[in-house]
Amino acid sequence: MITLRVYGILINKKNEILVSDEFIRGNMYTKFPGGGLEFGEGTRDCLAREFMEEMNLRVEVGAHLYTTDFFQISAFNTSQQIVSVYYKVEALEQIAVPLRDKPFDFDEQQMAVYHQKGETETFRMIPLEVFSPASVSLPIDKVVAEMVLKNTI
């Protein structure tokens, strides 16, 4: 089975990159914002929907940056192969959700969501001068992080 995921690379005017810190089924991951493609939608529609659902943020989905070009098993289900598509995104409004200063800084409400659903997330900006592939958890995100830093995408 193949799962298609779509992610956005958002870099603000301060040269900071947006990441999502997620607590999922007892494990913590830092990744780029985005999520799974749903039946009936295209990749750009998926990404716009994900930003709206997760951050209540309207974004303009820009240039395609990268699509996975190697075999990657899902971190959550070893019977699934992951293909991830990355786009540049630009916020069409100011980010309204709280941005955290440190990784995995979940508040009480977010922890209540975790206890109910088994997952929660928060967001933060990382200055590009300190951002690295080690800043993100998932293998495909690490490849994209390297590309972002080398300006090859």
C-alpha atoms as a PDB file:
ATOM      1  CA  MET A   1       0.000   0.000   0.000  1.00  0.00           C
ATOM      2  CA  ILE A   2       1.237   3.499  -0.846  1.00  0.00           C
ATOM      3  CA  THR A   3       0.355   6.529   1.237  1.00  0.00           C
ATOM      4  CA  LEU A   4       0.705   9.986  -0.309  1.00  0.00           C
ATOM      5  CA  ARG A   5       1.641  12.830   2.042  1.00  0.00           C
ATOM      6  CA  VAL A   6       1.897  16.524   1.155  1.00  0.00           C
ATOM      7  CA  TYR A   7       4.032  19.057   3.045  1.00  0.00           C
ATOM      8  CA  GLY A   8       4.669  22.777   2.940  1.00  0.00           C
ATOM      9  CA  ILE A   9       7.924  24.657   3.313  1.00  0.00           C
ATOM     10  CA  LEU A  10       7.099  28.052   4.779  1.00  0.00           C
ATOM     11  CA  ILE A  11       9.976  30.487   5.278  1.00  0.00           C
ATOM     12  CA  ASN A  12       9.038  33.885   6.674  1.00  0.00           C
ATOM     13  CA  LYS A  13      10.605  37.299   6.071  1.00  0.00           C
ATOM     14  CA  LYS A  14      12.862  36.801   9.113  1.00  0.00           C
ATOM     15  CA  ASN A  15      14.423  33.752   7.394  1.00  0.00           C
ATOM     16  CA  GLU A  16      12.752  31.304   9.769  1.00  0.00           C
ATOM     17  CA  ILE A  17      11.264  27.986   8.703  1.00  0.00           C
ATOM     18  CA  LEU A  18       8.010  26.598  10.099  1.00  0.00           C
ATOM     19  CA  VAL A  19       8.000  23.147  11.700  1.00  0.00           C
ATOM     20  CA  SER A  20       5.366  21.112  13.490  1.00  0.00           C
ATOM     21  CA  ASP A  21       6.188  19.312  16.741  1.00  0.00           C
ATOM     22  CA  GLU A  22       3.894  16.312  17.030  1.00  0.00           C
ATOM     23  CA  PHE A  23       3.181  13.855  19.833  1.00  0.00           C
ATOM     24  CA  ILE A  24       1.760  10.740  18.175  1.00  0.00           C
ATOM     25  CA  ARG A  25       1.041   7.429  19.920  1.00  0.00           C
ATOM     26  CA  GLY A  26       3.721   8.002  22.561  1.00  0.00           C
ATOM     27  CA  ASN A  27       6.411   9.246  20.171  1.00  0.00           C
ATOM     28  CA  MET A  28       7.536  12.782  19.383  1.00  0.00           C
ATOM     29  CA  TYR A  29       8.383  13.974  15.880  1.00  0.00           C
ATOM     30  CA  THR A  30       9.390  17.293  14.392  1.00  0.00           C
ATOM     31  CA  LYS A  31       8.323  17.596  10.778  1.00  0.00           C
ATOM     32  CA  PHE A  32       7.189  20.018   8.136  1.00  0.00           C
ATOM     33  CA  PRO A  33       3.485  20.941   8.275  1.00  0.00           C
ATOM     34  CA  GLY A  34       1.171  18.921   6.106  1.00  0.00           C
ATOM     35  CA  GLY A  35      -0.575  15.588   5.994  1.00  0.00           C
ATOM     36  CA  GLY A  36      -2.260  12.868   4.030  1.00  0.00           C
ATOM     37  CA  LEU A  37      -3.981  13.220   0.693  1.00  0.00           C
ATOM     38  CA  GLU A  38      -7.689  12.424   0.886  1.00  0.00           C
ATOM     39  CA  PHE A  39      -9.687  10.777  -1.883  1.00  0.00           C
ATOM     40  CA  GLY A  40     -10.954  13.327  -4.382  1.00  0.00           C
ATOM     41  CA  GLU A  41      -8.398  16.077  -3.799  1.00  0.00           C
ATOM     42  CA  GLY A  42      -5.222  17.132  -5.565  1.00  0.00           C
ATOM     43  CA  THR A  43      -1.931  17.656  -3.790  1.00  0.00           C
ATOM     44  CA  ARG A  44      -2.223  21.465  -3.705  1.00  0.00           C
ATOM     45  CA  ASP A  45      -5.785  21.293  -2.364  1.00  0.00           C
ATOM     46  CA  CYS A  46      -4.610  18.806   0.255  1.00  0.00           C
ATOM     47  CA  LEU A  47      -1.867  21.116   1.466  1.00  0.00           C
ATOM     48  CA  ALA A  48      -4.149  24.146   1.662  1.00  0.00           C
ATOM     49  CA  ARG A  49      -6.677  22.046   3.615  1.00  0.00           C
ATOM     50  CA  GLU A  50      -4.013  20.755   6.011  1.00  0.00           C
ATOM     51  CA  PHE A  51      -2.779  24.279   6.833  1.00  0.00           C
ATOM     52  CA  MET A  52      -6.365  25.387   7.417  1.00  0.00           C
ATOM     53  CA  GLU A  53      -7.187  22.376   9.613  1.00  0.00           C
ATOM     54  CA  GLU A  54      -3.966  22.418  11.636  1.00  0.00           C
ATOM     55  CA  MET A  55      -3.259  26.159  11.896  1.00  0.00           C
ATOM     56  CA  ASN A  56      -6.417  27.922  10.708  1.00  0.00           C
ATOM     57  CA  LEU A  57      -4.080  29.529   8.176  1.00  0.00           C
ATOM     58  CA  ARG A  58      -4.800  30.341   4.556  1.00  0.00           C
ATOM     59  CA  VAL A  59      -1.744  29.709   2.409  1.00  0.00           C
ATOM     60  CA  GLU A  60      -0.807  30.121  -1.209  1.00  0.00           C
ATOM     61  CA  VAL A  61       0.676  26.875  -2.443  1.00  0.00           C
ATOM     62  CA  GLY A  62       3.571  27.779  -4.703  1.00  0.00           C
ATOM     63  CA  ALA A  63       6.257  25.908  -6.562  1.00  0.00           C
ATOM     64  CA  HIS A  64       6.664  22.155  -6.338  1.00  0.00           C
ATOM     65  CA  LEU A  65       9.952  21.533  -4.545  1.00  0.00           C
ATOM     66  CA  TYR A  66      10.427  17.795  -4.260  1.00  0.00           C
ATOM     67  CA  THR A  67       8.740  14.404  -4.512  1.00  0.00           C
ATOM     68  CA  THR A  68      10.217  11.361  -2.800  1.00  0.00           C
ATOM     69  CA  ASP A  69      12.449   9.500  -5.224  1.00  0.00           C
ATOM     70  CA  PHE A  70      13.486   6.596  -2.998  1.00  0.00           C
ATOM     71  CA  PHE A  71      11.728   3.801  -1.128  1.00  0.00           C
ATOM     72  CA  GLN A  72      10.543   4.823   2.346  1.00  0.00           C
ATOM     73  CA  ILE A  73       8.529   2.700   4.749  1.00  0.00           C
ATOM     74  CA  SER A  74       6.026   4.478   6.983  1.00  0.00           C
ATOM     75  CA  ALA A  75       7.163   5.275  10.521  1.00  0.00           C
ATOM     76  CA  PHE A  76       3.650   4.340  11.667  1.00  0.00           C
ATOM     77  CA  ASN A  77       2.775   1.276   9.585  1.00  0.00           C
ATOM     78  CA  THR A  78       5.491  -0.985   8.193  1.00  0.00           C
ATOM     79  CA  SER A  79       3.111  -2.347   5.535  1.00  0.00           C
ATOM     80  CA  GLN A  80       2.875   1.106   3.915  1.00  0.00           C
ATOM     81  CA  GLN A  81       5.251   2.915   1.589  1.00  0.00           C
ATOM     82  CA  ILE A  82       5.330   6.691   1.900  1.00  0.00           C
ATOM     83  CA  VAL A  83       5.577   9.083  -1.026  1.00  0.00           C
ATOM     84  CA  SER A  84       5.826  12.718   0.064  1.00  0.00           C
ATOM     85  CA  VAL A  85       5.315  15.802  -2.084  1.00  0.00           C
ATOM     86  CA  TYR A  86       6.721  19.164  -0.938  1.00  0.00           C
ATOM     87  CA  TYR A  87       5.668  22.636  -2.024  1.00  0.00           C
ATOM     88  CA  LYS A  88       6.771  26.106  -1.142  1.00  0.00           C
ATOM     89  CA  VAL A  89       3.957  27.879   0.720  1.00  0.00           C
ATOM     90  CA  GLU A  90       3.323  31.483   1.651  1.00  0.00           C
ATOM     91  CA  ALA A  91       1.020  32.572   4.448  1.00  0.00           C
ATOM     92  CA  LEU A  92      -1.782  34.811   3.179  1.00  0.00           C
ATOM     93  CA  GLU A  93      -2.339  36.187   6.670  1.00  0.00           C
ATOM     94  CA  GLN A  94      -0.549  36.422   9.981  1.00  0.00           C
ATOM     95  CA  ILE A  95      -0.116  33.114  11.800  1.00  0.00           C
ATOM     96  CA  ALA A  96      -2.685  33.128  14.607  1.00  0.00           C
ATOM     97  CA  VAL A  97      -1.859  29.867  16.405  1.00  0.00           C
ATOM     98  CA  PRO A  98       0.668  30.162  19.219  1.00  0.00           C
ATOM     99  CA  LEU A  99       4.217  29.599  18.025  1.00  0.00           C
ATOM    100  CA  ARG A 100       6.425  27.947  20.620  1.00  0.00           C
ATOM    101  CA  ASP A 101      10.021  28.806  21.449  1.00  0.00           C
ATOM    102  CA  LYS A 102      11.104  25.289  22.304  1.00  0.00           C
ATOM    103  CA  PRO A 103      10.355  21.824  20.921  1.00  0.00           C
ATOM    104  CA  PHE A 104       7.322  19.881  22.144  1.00  0.00           C
ATOM    105  CA  ASP A 105       6.019  22.703  24.325  1.00  0.00           C
ATOM    106  CA  PHE A 106       2.430  21.446  24.585  1.00  0.00           C
ATOM    107  CA  ASP A 107      -0.112  23.298  26.713  1.00  0.00           C
ATOM    108  CA  GLU A 108      -2.909  21.714  28.786  1.00  0.00           C
ATOM    109  CA  GLN A 109      -5.447  21.910  25.964  1.00  0.00           C
ATOM    110  CA  GLN A 110      -3.075  20.207  23.530  1.00  0.00           C
ATOM    111  CA  MET A 111      -2.370  17.463  26.069  1.00  0.00           C
ATOM    112  CA  ALA A 112      -6.123  16.962  26.553  1.00  0.00           C
ATOM    113  CA  VAL A 113      -6.377  16.446  22.773  1.00  0.00           C
ATOM    114  CA  TYR A 114      -3.509  13.940  22.977  1.00  0.00           C
ATOM    115  CA  HIS A 115      -5.243  11.952  25.724  1.00  0.00           C
ATOM    116  CA  GLN A 116      -8.460  11.920  23.679  1.00  0.00           C
ATOM    117  CA  LYS A 117      -7.084  11.281  20.160  1.00  0.00           C
ATOM    118  CA  GLY A 118      -3.602   9.861  20.757  1.00  0.00           C
ATOM    119  CA  GLU A 119      -1.962  12.761  18.950  1.00  0.00           C
ATOM    120  CA  THR A 120      -1.462  16.511  19.184  1.00  0.00           C
ATOM    121  CA  GLU A 121       0.789  19.126  17.659  1.00  0.00           C
ATOM    122  CA  THR A 122       2.269  22.557  18.110  1.00  0.00           C
ATOM    123  CA  PHE A 123       4.268  24.836  15.823  1.00  0.00           C
ATOM    124  CA  ARG A 124       7.454  26.864  15.946  1.00  0.00           C
ATOM    125  CA  MET A 125       9.760  28.817  13.690  1.00  0.00           C
ATOM    126  CA  ILE A 126      13.431  27.878  13.506  1.00  0.00           C
ATOM    127  CA  PRO A 127      15.946  30.448  12.221  1.00  0.00           C
ATOM    128  CA  LEU A 128      17.573  29.060   9.064  1.00  0.00           C
ATOM    129  CA  GLU A 129      20.987  29.860  10.542  1.00  0.00           C
ATOM    130  CA  VAL A 130      20.470  27.105  13.152  1.00  0.00           C
ATOM    131  CA  PHE A 131      18.136  24.833  11.147  1.00  0.00           C
ATOM    132  CA  SER A 132      19.622  21.536   9.939  1.00  0.00           C
ATOM    133  CA  PRO A 133      18.470  18.081   8.847  1.00  0.00           C
ATOM    134  CA  ALA A 134      18.794  17.101  12.522  1.00  0.00           C
ATOM    135  CA  SER A 135      16.011  19.624  13.264  1.00  0.00           C
ATOM    136  CA  VAL A 136      13.432  17.266  11.731  1.00  0.00           C
ATOM    137  CA  SER A 137      12.695  13.642  12.572  1.00  0.00           C
ATOM    138  CA  LEU A 138      11.481  11.885   9.440  1.00  0.00           C
ATOM    139  CA  PRO A 139      13.896  10.587   6.766  1.00  0.00           C
ATOM    140  CA  ILE A 140      12.263  12.319   3.790  1.00  0.00           C
ATOM    141  CA  ASP A 141      12.075  15.619   5.709  1.00  0.00           C
ATOM    142  CA  LYS A 142      15.823  15.335   6.376  1.00  0.00           C
ATOM    143  CA  VAL A 143      16.473  15.130   2.618  1.00  0.00           C
ATOM    144  CA  VAL A 144      14.278  18.193   2.026  1.00  0.00           C
ATOM    145  CA  ALA A 145      15.934  20.084   4.905  1.00  0.00           C
ATOM    146  CA  GLU A 146      19.313  19.534   3.272  1.00  0.00           C
ATOM    147  CA  MET A 147      17.931  20.766  -0.051  1.00  0.00           C
ATOM    148  CA  VAL A 148      16.474  23.876   1.600  1.00  0.00           C
ATOM    149  CA  LEU A 149      19.830  24.697   3.192  1.00  0.00           C
ATOM    150  CA  LYS A 150      21.700  24.177  -0.084  1.00  0.00           C
ATOM    151  CA  ASN A 151      19.083  26.255  -1.950  1.00  0.00           C
ATOM    152  CA  THR A 152      18.642  23.418  -4.413  1.00  0.00           C
ATOM    153  CA  ILE A 153      14.868  23.603  -4.203  1.00  0.00           C
END
